[in-house]
C-alpha atoms as a PDB file:
ATOM      1  CA  MET A   1     103.411 105.314 110.073  1.00  0.00           C
ATOM      2  CA  LYS A   2     101.842 107.701 109.189  1.00  0.00           C
ATOM      3  CA  LYS A   3      99.188 107.672 106.348  1.00  0.00           C
ATOM      4  CA  PHE A   4      98.217 110.059 103.929  1.00  0.00           C
ATOM      5  CA  GLN A   5      94.712 111.388 104.280  1.00  0.00           C
ATOM      6  CA  PHE A   6      93.061 111.003 101.346  1.00  0.00           C
ATOM      7  CA  GLY A   7      89.538 111.882 102.575  1.00  0.00           C
ATOM      8  CA  LYS A   8      90.295 115.893 102.834  1.00  0.00           C
ATOM      9  CA  ASN A   9      91.948 115.892  98.973  1.00  0.00           C
ATOM     10  CA  TRP A  10      88.849 114.394  97.890  1.00  0.00           C
ATOM     11  CA  GLU A  11      87.035 116.652 100.005  1.00  0.00           C
ATOM     12  CA  ASN A  12      88.493 119.604  97.965  1.00  0.00           C
ATOM     13  CA  TYR A  13      88.566 118.626  94.700  1.00  0.00           C
ATOM     14  CA  LEU A  14      84.334 117.498  95.152  1.00  0.00           C
ATOM     15  CA  ARG A  15      84.222 121.248  95.318  1.00  0.00           C
ATOM     16  CA  ILE A  16      84.844 121.211  91.841  1.00  0.00           C
ATOM     17  CA  ILE A  17      82.947 118.848  91.127  1.00  0.00           C
ATOM     18  CA  ASP A  18      80.755 119.493  87.627  1.00  0.00           C
ATOM     19  CA  GLU A  19      78.685 118.079  84.683  1.00  0.00           C
ATOM     20  CA  LYS A  20      81.643 117.966  82.349  1.00  0.00           C
ATOM     21  CA  LYS A  21      84.019 116.372  84.966  1.00  0.00           C
ATOM     22  CA  ILE A  22      80.902 113.674  85.962  1.00  0.00           C
ATOM     23  CA  LYS A  23      80.214 113.121  82.077  1.00  0.00           C
ATOM     24  CA  GLU A  24      83.722 111.805  81.107  1.00  0.00           C
ATOM     25  CA  ALA A  25      83.937 109.971  84.271  1.00  0.00           C
ATOM     26  CA  GLU A  26      81.372 108.058  82.202  1.00  0.00           C
ATOM     27  CA  ILE A  27      82.985 107.365  79.396  1.00  0.00           C
ATOM     28  CA  SER A  28      85.597 106.211  81.282  1.00  0.00           C
ATOM     29  CA  LEU A  29      83.988 103.526  82.948  1.00  0.00           C
ATOM     30  CA  GLN A  30      81.877 102.934  78.575  1.00  0.00           C
ATOM     31  CA  SER A  31      85.375 102.543  77.385  1.00  0.00           C
ATOM     32  CA  ILE A  32      87.164 100.043  79.815  1.00  0.00           C
ATOM     33  CA  THR A  33      83.987  97.701  80.162  1.00  0.00           C
ATOM     34  CA  SER A  34      83.194  98.306  76.258  1.00  0.00           C
ATOM     35  CA  LEU A  35      79.569  98.525  77.815  1.00  0.00           C
ATOM     36  CA  LYS A  36      77.243 101.371  76.361  1.00  0.00           C
ATOM     37  CA  ASN A  37      75.224 101.389  79.407  1.00  0.00           C
ATOM     38  CA  PHE A  38      75.222  99.001  82.595  1.00  0.00           C
ATOM     39  CA  ASN A  39      71.291  98.593  82.611  1.00  0.00           C
ATOM     40  CA  GLY A  40      70.505  94.932  84.963  1.00  0.00           C
ATOM     41  CA  ARG A  41      74.192  94.994  86.140  1.00  0.00           C
ATOM     42  CA  THR A  42      75.384  95.384  89.359  1.00  0.00           C
ATOM     43  CA  PHE A  43      78.709  97.405  90.685  1.00  0.00           C
ATOM     44  CA  ILE A  44      80.646  97.842  93.522  1.00  0.00           C
ATOM     45  CA  ASP A  45      82.957 100.553  93.453  1.00  0.00           C
ATOM     46  CA  VAL A  46      85.835  99.634  96.318  1.00  0.00           C
ATOM     47  CA  GLY A  47      88.065 102.761  97.835  1.00  0.00           C
ATOM     48  CA  CYS A  48      84.861 104.698  96.179  1.00  0.00           C
ATOM     49  CA  GLY A  49      87.286 108.553  97.194  1.00  0.00           C
ATOM     50  CA  SER A  50      85.037 110.846  96.139  1.00  0.00           C
ATOM     51  CA  GLY A  51      82.166 108.600  94.235  1.00  0.00           C
ATOM     52  CA  ILE A  52      82.436 110.123  91.220  1.00  0.00           C
ATOM     53  CA  PHE A  53      82.413 106.623  89.733  1.00  0.00           C
ATOM     54  CA  SER A  54      79.965 105.305  91.899  1.00  0.00           C
ATOM     55  CA  LEU A  55      77.674 108.341  90.410  1.00  0.00           C
ATOM     56  CA  SER A  56      78.328 107.912  87.034  1.00  0.00           C
ATOM     57  CA  ALA A  57      77.898 104.157  87.549  1.00  0.00           C
ATOM     58  CA  LYS A  58      73.968 104.971  88.531  1.00  0.00           C
ATOM     59  CA  ASN A  59      73.857 107.546  85.237  1.00  0.00           C
ATOM     60  CA  LEU A  60      74.691 104.879  83.435  1.00  0.00           C
ATOM     61  CA  LYS A  61      71.858 102.230  84.859  1.00  0.00           C
ATOM     62  CA  ALA A  62      73.797 100.182  87.114  1.00  0.00           C
ATOM     63  CA  SER A  63      70.549  98.429  89.086  1.00  0.00           C
ATOM     64  CA  PHE A  64      72.728  98.193  92.388  1.00  0.00           C
ATOM     65  CA  VAL A  65      75.620 100.549  93.105  1.00  0.00           C
ATOM     66  CA  TYR A  66      77.642  99.733  96.689  1.00  0.00           C
ATOM     67  CA  SER A  67      80.749 101.890  97.520  1.00  0.00           C
ATOM     68  CA  PHE A  68      82.836 101.650 100.253  1.00  0.00           C
ATOM     69  CA  ASP A  69      86.130 103.392 101.876  1.00  0.00           C
ATOM     70  CA  SER A  70      88.099 103.114 105.037  1.00  0.00           C
ATOM     71  CA  ASP A  71      88.058 106.768 104.810  1.00  0.00           C
ATOM     72  CA  GLU A  72      85.126 108.935 106.996  1.00  0.00           C
ATOM     73  CA  ASN A  73      85.697 111.810 104.932  1.00  0.00           C
ATOM     74  CA  ALA A  74      85.859 109.726 101.797  1.00  0.00           C
ATOM     75  CA  VAL A  75      82.481 107.838 102.582  1.00  0.00           C
ATOM     76  CA  LYS A  76      81.189 111.760 103.234  1.00  0.00           C
ATOM     77  CA  CYS A  77      82.088 112.845  99.998  1.00  0.00           C
ATOM     78  CA  ALA A  78      80.173 109.350  98.673  1.00  0.00           C
ATOM     79  CA  MET A  79      77.314 110.589 100.545  1.00  0.00           C
ATOM     80  CA  GLU A  80      77.060 114.233  99.247  1.00  0.00           C
ATOM     81  CA  LEU A  81      77.479 112.985  95.752  1.00  0.00           C
ATOM     82  CA  LYS A  82      74.682 110.697  96.629  1.00  0.00           C
ATOM     83  CA  ASN A  83      72.218 113.647  97.931  1.00  0.00           C
ATOM     84  CA  LYS A  84      72.593 115.826  95.928  1.00  0.00           C
ATOM     85  CA  PHE A  85      71.787 113.229  92.595  1.00  0.00           C
ATOM     86  CA  TYR A  86      69.728 110.625  93.919  1.00  0.00           C
ATOM     87  CA  LYS A  87      68.608 111.005  97.155  1.00  0.00           C
ATOM     88  CA  ASN A  88      66.450 108.357  99.280  1.00  0.00           C
ATOM     89  CA  ASP A  89      67.701 106.151  96.078  1.00  0.00           C
ATOM     90  CA  LYS A  90      67.934 102.706  97.847  1.00  0.00           C
ATOM     91  CA  THR A  91      69.512 100.843  94.880  1.00  0.00           C
ATOM     92  CA  TRP A  92      72.707 102.583  96.181  1.00  0.00           C
ATOM     93  CA  ILE A  93      74.202 102.015  99.704  1.00  0.00           C
ATOM     94  CA  ILE A  94      77.592 103.824 100.837  1.00  0.00           C
ATOM     95  CA  GLU A  95      79.269 102.391 103.935  1.00  0.00           C
ATOM     96  CA  LYS A  96      82.537 102.640 105.569  1.00  0.00           C
ATOM     97  CA  GLY A  97      83.988  99.224 105.245  1.00  0.00           C
ATOM     98  CA  ASP A  98      88.030  98.173 104.399  1.00  0.00           C
ATOM     99  CA  VAL A  99      89.314  96.038 102.106  1.00  0.00           C
ATOM    100  CA  LEU A 100      91.573  94.108 104.407  1.00  0.00           C
ATOM    101  CA  ASP A 101      88.786  93.530 106.459  1.00  0.00           C
ATOM    102  CA  LYS A 102      88.477  89.511 104.674  1.00  0.00           C
ATOM    103  CA  GLY A 103      85.130  89.449 106.758  1.00  0.00           C
ATOM    104  CA  PHE A 104      83.825  92.138 105.359  1.00  0.00           C
ATOM    105  CA  ILE A 105      84.779  91.935 102.166  1.00  0.00           C
ATOM    106  CA  GLU A 106      82.485  88.457 101.830  1.00  0.00           C
ATOM    107  CA  SER A 107      79.771  89.285 103.588  1.00  0.00           C
ATOM    108  CA  LEU A 108      79.369  91.810 100.856  1.00  0.00           C
ATOM    109  CA  GLY A 109      78.029  89.226  97.981  1.00  0.00           C
ATOM    110  CA  LYS A 110      79.268  89.430  94.730  1.00  0.00           C
ATOM    111  CA  PHE A 111      78.867  91.914  91.946  1.00  0.00           C
ATOM    112  CA  ASP A 112      78.860  92.171  87.914  1.00  0.00           C
ATOM    113  CA  ILE A 113      81.317  95.089  88.267  1.00  0.00           C
ATOM    114  CA  VAL A 114      83.802  94.964  90.293  1.00  0.00           C
ATOM    115  CA  TYR A 115      85.903  98.628  90.395  1.00  0.00           C
ATOM    116  CA  VAL A 116      88.873  99.136  92.382  1.00  0.00           C
ATOM    117  CA  TRP A 117      90.832 101.984  90.947  1.00  0.00           C
ATOM    118  CA  GLY A 118      94.125 103.203  92.132  1.00  0.00           C
ATOM    119  CA  VAL A 119      92.735 101.286  96.296  1.00  0.00           C
ATOM    120  CA  VAL A 120      95.204  97.854  96.776  1.00  0.00           C
ATOM    121  CA  HIS A 121      98.553 100.195  96.552  1.00  0.00           C
ATOM    122  CA  HIS A 122      97.551 102.294  99.385  1.00  0.00           C
ATOM    123  CA  THR A 123      96.748  99.643 101.989  1.00  0.00           C
ATOM    124  CA  GLY A 124      99.867  98.948 103.267  1.00  0.00           C
ATOM    125  CA  LYS A 125      99.417  95.042 102.415  1.00  0.00           C
ATOM    126  CA  MET A 126      98.758  94.986  98.766  1.00  0.00           C
ATOM    127  CA  TRP A 127      98.707  91.301  97.663  1.00  0.00           C
ATOM    128  CA  GLU A 128      96.293  90.658 100.730  1.00  0.00           C
ATOM    129  CA  ALA A 129      93.825  93.713  99.284  1.00  0.00           C
ATOM    130  CA  MET A 130      93.955  92.130  95.609  1.00  0.00           C
ATOM    131  CA  GLU A 131      93.290  88.247  97.072  1.00  0.00           C
ATOM    132  CA  ASN A 132      90.316  89.967  99.570  1.00  0.00           C
ATOM    133  CA  ILE A 133      88.329  91.824  96.201  1.00  0.00           C
ATOM    134  CA  ILE A 134      88.466  87.926  94.161  1.00  0.00           C
ATOM    135  CA  SER A 135      85.434  88.008  96.346  1.00  0.00           C
ATOM    136  CA  LEU A 136      83.223  89.612  94.855  1.00  0.00           C
ATOM    137  CA  VAL A 137      83.817  89.639  91.577  1.00  0.00           C
ATOM    138  CA  LYS A 138      80.916  86.772  90.113  1.00  0.00           C
ATOM    139  CA  GLU A 139      81.238  84.216  87.441  1.00  0.00           C
ATOM    140  CA  ASP A 140      81.420  85.768  84.591  1.00  0.00           C
ATOM    141  CA  GLY A 141      82.058  89.310  85.812  1.00  0.00           C
ATOM    142  CA  LEU A 142      84.291  92.155  85.657  1.00  0.00           C
ATOM    143  CA  LEU A 143      87.322  92.965  88.075  1.00  0.00           C
ATOM    144  CA  ILE A 144      88.781  96.293  87.137  1.00  0.00           C
ATOM    145  CA  ILE A 145      91.730  97.486  88.813  1.00  0.00           C
ATOM    146  CA  SER A 146      94.474 100.164  88.646  1.00  0.00           C
ATOM    147  CA  VAL A 147      98.034  99.482  89.992  1.00  0.00           C
ATOM    148  CA  TYR A 148     101.004 101.725  90.528  1.00  0.00           C
ATOM    149  CA  ASN A 149     103.703 100.951  88.252  1.00  0.00           C
ATOM    150  CA  ASP A 150     107.163  98.849  89.261  1.00  0.00           C
ATOM    151  CA  GLN A 151     109.608 101.517  87.872  1.00  0.00           C
ATOM    152  CA  GLY A 152     112.189 100.108  89.573  1.00  0.00           C
ATOM    153  CA  PHE A 153     115.226 102.602  91.644  1.00  0.00           C
ATOM    154  CA  ALA A 154     112.455 105.443  91.140  1.00  0.00           C
ATOM    155  CA  SER A 155     109.711 103.536  92.715  1.00  0.00           C
ATOM    156  CA  LYS A 156     112.204 103.346  95.537  1.00  0.00           C
ATOM    157  CA  CYS A 157     112.922 107.642  95.482  1.00  0.00           C
ATOM    158  CA  TRP A 158     109.216 107.731  95.213  1.00  0.00           C
ATOM    159  CA  ASN A 159     108.337 106.020  98.293  1.00  0.00           C
ATOM    160  CA  THR A 160     111.166 108.131  99.832  1.00  0.00           C
ATOM    161  CA  ILE A 161     109.142 111.249  98.867  1.00  0.00           C
ATOM    162  CA  LYS A 162     105.595 110.410  99.963  1.00  0.00           C
ATOM    163  CA  ARG A 163     107.010 109.179 102.959  1.00  0.00           C
ATOM    164  CA  THR A 164     108.793 112.410 103.372  1.00  0.00           C
ATOM    165  CA  TYR A 165     105.845 114.087 102.574  1.00  0.00           C
ATOM    166  CA  ASN A 166     103.559 112.562 105.655  1.00  0.00           C
ATOM    167  CA  ASN A 167     106.248 113.198 108.057  1.00  0.00           C
ATOM    168  CA  LEU A 168     106.986 117.055 107.562  1.00  0.00           C
ATOM    169  CA  PRO A 169     105.055 119.798 109.233  1.00  0.00           C
ATOM    170  CA  LEU A 170     102.061 121.144 108.251  1.00  0.00           C
ATOM    171  CA  VAL A 171     103.957 124.535 107.082  1.00  0.00           C
ATOM    172  CA  PHE A 172     106.678 122.695 104.277  1.00  0.00           C
ATOM    173  CA  LYS A 173     104.281 120.316 102.655  1.00  0.00           C
ATOM    174  CA  PRO A 174     103.416 123.144 100.039  1.00  0.00           C
ATOM    175  CA  LEU A 175     106.930 123.061  99.686  1.00  0.00           C
ATOM    176  CA  LEU A 176     107.809 119.773  98.369  1.00  0.00           C
ATOM    177  CA  ILE A 177     104.111 119.924  96.584  1.00  0.00           C
ATOM    178  CA  GLY A 178     105.526 123.038  94.659  1.00  0.00           C
ATOM    179  CA  ILE A 179     108.976 120.618  93.718  1.00  0.00           C
ATOM    180  CA  VAL A 180     107.039 117.921  92.249  1.00  0.00           C
ATOM    181  CA  SER A 181     104.952 119.941  90.405  1.00  0.00           C
ATOM    182  CA  LEU A 182     107.929 121.309  88.542  1.00  0.00           C
ATOM    183  CA  ARG A 183     108.931 117.930  88.189  1.00  0.00           C
ATOM    184  CA  LEU A 184     105.797 116.591  86.918  1.00  0.00           C
ATOM    185  CA  TRP A 185     104.273 119.007  85.139  1.00  0.00           C
ATOM    186  CA  GLY A 186     107.549 121.477  84.220  1.00  0.00           C
ATOM    187  CA  PRO A 187     108.361 119.731  80.445  1.00  0.00           C
ATOM    188  CA  THR A 188     104.713 119.891  79.577  1.00  0.00           C
ATOM    189  CA  MET A 189     104.356 123.197  80.119  1.00  0.00           C
ATOM    190  CA  VAL A 190     107.050 124.008  78.458  1.00  0.00           C
ATOM    191  CA  LYS A 191     105.721 122.265  75.710  1.00  0.00           C
ATOM    192  CA  ASP A 192     102.519 123.911  75.338  1.00  0.00           C
ATOM    193  CA  ILE A 193     103.975 127.105  75.670  1.00  0.00           C
ATOM    194  CA  LEU A 194     106.171 126.439  72.591  1.00  0.00           C
ATOM    195  CA  LYS A 195     102.956 125.337  70.830  1.00  0.00           C
ATOM    196  CA  LEU A 196     101.322 128.223  71.806  1.00  0.00           C
ATOM    197  CA  LYS A 197      98.743 127.369  73.522  1.00  0.00           C
ATOM    198  CA  PRO A 198      99.839 127.730  77.447  1.00  0.00           C
ATOM    199  CA  PHE A 199      98.426 125.465  80.205  1.00  0.00           C
ATOM    200  CA  ASN A 200      96.125 123.351  77.443  1.00  0.00           C
ATOM    201  CA  THR A 201      96.880 120.389  78.810  1.00  0.00           C
ATOM    202  CA  TRP A 202      96.288 121.718  82.272  1.00  0.00           C
ATOM    203  CA  LYS A 203      93.167 122.657  81.110  1.00  0.00           C
ATOM    204  CA  ASN A 204      92.039 119.385  79.109  1.00  0.00           C
ATOM    205  CA  TYR A 205      92.637 117.296  82.109  1.00  0.00           C
ATOM    206  CA  TYR A 206      89.340 116.825  83.199  1.00  0.00           C
ATOM    207  CA  LYS A 207      89.033 114.707  80.321  1.00  0.00           C
ATOM    208  CA  GLN A 208      91.354 111.982  82.073  1.00  0.00           C
ATOM    209  CA  ARG A 209      88.267 110.080  83.975  1.00  0.00           C
ATOM    210  CA  GLY A 210      87.433 113.754  84.966  1.00  0.00           C
ATOM    211  CA  MET A 211      89.809 114.193  87.395  1.00  0.00           C
ATOM    212  CA  SER A 212      91.922 117.248  88.749  1.00  0.00           C
ATOM    213  CA  PRO A 213      95.345 118.121  87.980  1.00  0.00           C
ATOM    214  CA  TRP A 214      95.883 119.854  91.203  1.00  0.00           C
ATOM    215  CA  TYR A 215      94.374 117.229  93.393  1.00  0.00           C
ATOM    216  CA  ASP A 216      95.581 114.858  91.397  1.00  0.00           C
ATOM    217  CA  ILE A 217      99.377 115.952  92.196  1.00  0.00           C
ATOM    218  CA  ILE A 218      99.067 116.457  95.751  1.00  0.00           C
ATOM    219  CA  ASP A 219      97.532 112.598  95.755  1.00  0.00           C
ATOM    220  CA  TRP A 220     100.336 111.600  93.625  1.00  0.00           C
ATOM    221  CA  VAL A 221     102.580 113.654  96.489  1.00  0.00           C
ATOM    222  CA  GLY A 222     100.790 112.189  99.637  1.00  0.00           C
ATOM    223  CA  GLY A 223     100.131 108.760  98.632  1.00  0.00           C
ATOM    224  CA  TYR A 224     101.172 107.042 100.968  1.00  0.00           C
ATOM    225  CA  PRO A 225     101.883 103.436 101.933  1.00  0.00           C
ATOM    226  CA  PHE A 226     102.609 103.120  98.330  1.00  0.00           C
ATOM    227  CA  GLU A 227     103.019  99.751  96.578  1.00  0.00           C
ATOM    228  CA  VAL A 228     104.155  98.650  92.964  1.00  0.00           C
ATOM    229  CA  ALA A 229     103.776  95.650  90.509  1.00  0.00           C
ATOM    230  CA  LYS A 230     105.380  95.049  87.141  1.00  0.00           C
ATOM    231  CA  PRO A 231     102.061  94.338  85.093  1.00  0.00           C
ATOM    232  CA  GLU A 232     102.953  90.264  84.648  1.00  0.00           C
ATOM    233  CA  LYS A 233     103.310  89.406  88.897  1.00  0.00           C
ATOM    234  CA  VAL A 234      99.534  91.249  88.912  1.00  0.00           C
ATOM    235  CA  ILE A 235      98.419  89.493  85.326  1.00  0.00           C
ATOM    236  CA  ASN A 236     100.173  86.217  86.604  1.00  0.00           C
ATOM    237  CA  PHE A 237      98.640  86.404  89.721  1.00  0.00           C
ATOM    238  CA  TYR A 238      95.059  87.026  88.730  1.00  0.00           C
ATOM    239  CA  LYS A 239      95.144  84.160  85.951  1.00  0.00           C
ATOM    240  CA  SER A 240      96.075  81.821  88.962  1.00  0.00           C
ATOM    241  CA  LYS A 241      92.677  82.758  90.922  1.00  0.00           C
ATOM    242  CA  GLY A 242      90.802  81.948  87.559  1.00  0.00           C
ATOM    243  CA  PHE A 243      90.730  85.297  86.254  1.00  0.00           C
ATOM    244  CA  GLN A 244      91.028  86.463  82.023  1.00  0.00           C
ATOM    245  CA  LEU A 245      92.978  89.143  81.071  1.00  0.00           C
ATOM    246  CA  LEU A 246      90.383  91.389  78.691  1.00  0.00           C
ATOM    247  CA  LYS A 247      92.307  94.228  78.096  1.00  0.00           C
ATOM    248  CA  LEU A 248      95.910  96.111  79.351  1.00  0.00           C
ATOM    249  CA  LYS A 249      96.555  99.807  79.501  1.00  0.00           C
ATOM    250  CA  ILE A 250     100.821  99.901  80.486  1.00  0.00           C
ATOM    251  CA  CYS A 251     102.654 103.183  81.459  1.00  0.00           C
ATOM    252  CA  GLY A 252     105.470 101.915  79.816  1.00  0.00           C
ATOM    253  CA  LYS A 253     108.859 102.688  82.022  1.00  0.00           C
ATOM    254  CA  GLY A 254     106.748 105.892  83.581  1.00  0.00           C
ATOM    255  CA  HIS A 255     105.230 106.536  86.581  1.00  0.00           C
ATOM    256  CA  GLY A 256     101.371 105.713  87.630  1.00  0.00           C
ATOM    257  CA  CYS A 257      99.135 102.618  87.200  1.00  0.00           C
ATOM    258  CA  ASN A 258      98.871  99.995  84.840  1.00  0.00           C
ATOM    259  CA  GLU A 259      95.399  99.405  84.560  1.00  0.00           C
ATOM    260  CA  PHE A 260      93.656  95.941  83.937  1.00  0.00           C
ATOM    261  CA  VAL A 261      90.146  94.531  82.983  1.00  0.00           C
ATOM    262  CA  PHE A 262      89.793  90.657  84.159  1.00  0.00           C
ATOM    263  CA  LYS A 263      87.093  88.255  83.563  1.00  0.00           C
ATOM    264  CA  LYS A 264      86.375  85.885  86.270  1.00  0.00           C
ATOM    265  CA  THR A 265      86.234  81.850  84.531  1.00  0.00           C
ATOM    266  CA  SER A 266      85.967  78.794  85.654  1.00  0.00           C
ATOM    267  CA  LEU A 267      89.398  77.594  87.227  1.00  0.00           C
END
């Protein structure tokens, strides 16, 4: 099974990270946690990708940040951000690690805020990954997780597209990216033109967690392995493990992620 090189995509995204994107990432963390800052709280970034949310947690005054990813290039991205903004800071640790490695996960201890954004559904063993991260959450701690929405037949189609992309020769991959881009962005582009604001949504996309529309498209088309779940399945799973749902944002029948904030309580 050919897997998508997420770290390579994050390396390209890293070139365009600026203060505006970092600020939007901070705002997204404040919004989803309902916390103005992370003073006195520990934060773990599971599958840290570019490292922008680890950086944001540091900027929000988290007392300790731990970042890990199974992709070496992603680890390098996070290290680059750390060296730029928090060089030699011993309260931010970055390492290579796999969320499916239960022994590794259990060795990390427990954290006040466990951030698992867009990670478990790319492991190939989603429910195992979701089980493993439970040990990371302190009593009364927060688990922030996003999981791809189950669209039924449409999700099966996306799975085929993603698998196809990763098996295509390099020369043909841009063609598939272009076709899917038209599907994902064509209607929005037309609406912006009709409003006499061409490319307005594209230009303001950074306000969505500091992300990039182009690199998000590549991530979406290439992101394989690919698993999905209906929101109620995720909720019931974590409720059975002693978690209380605090926040939920669903994407209805559309593609993308459902977003959950759970609080760990006693069973």
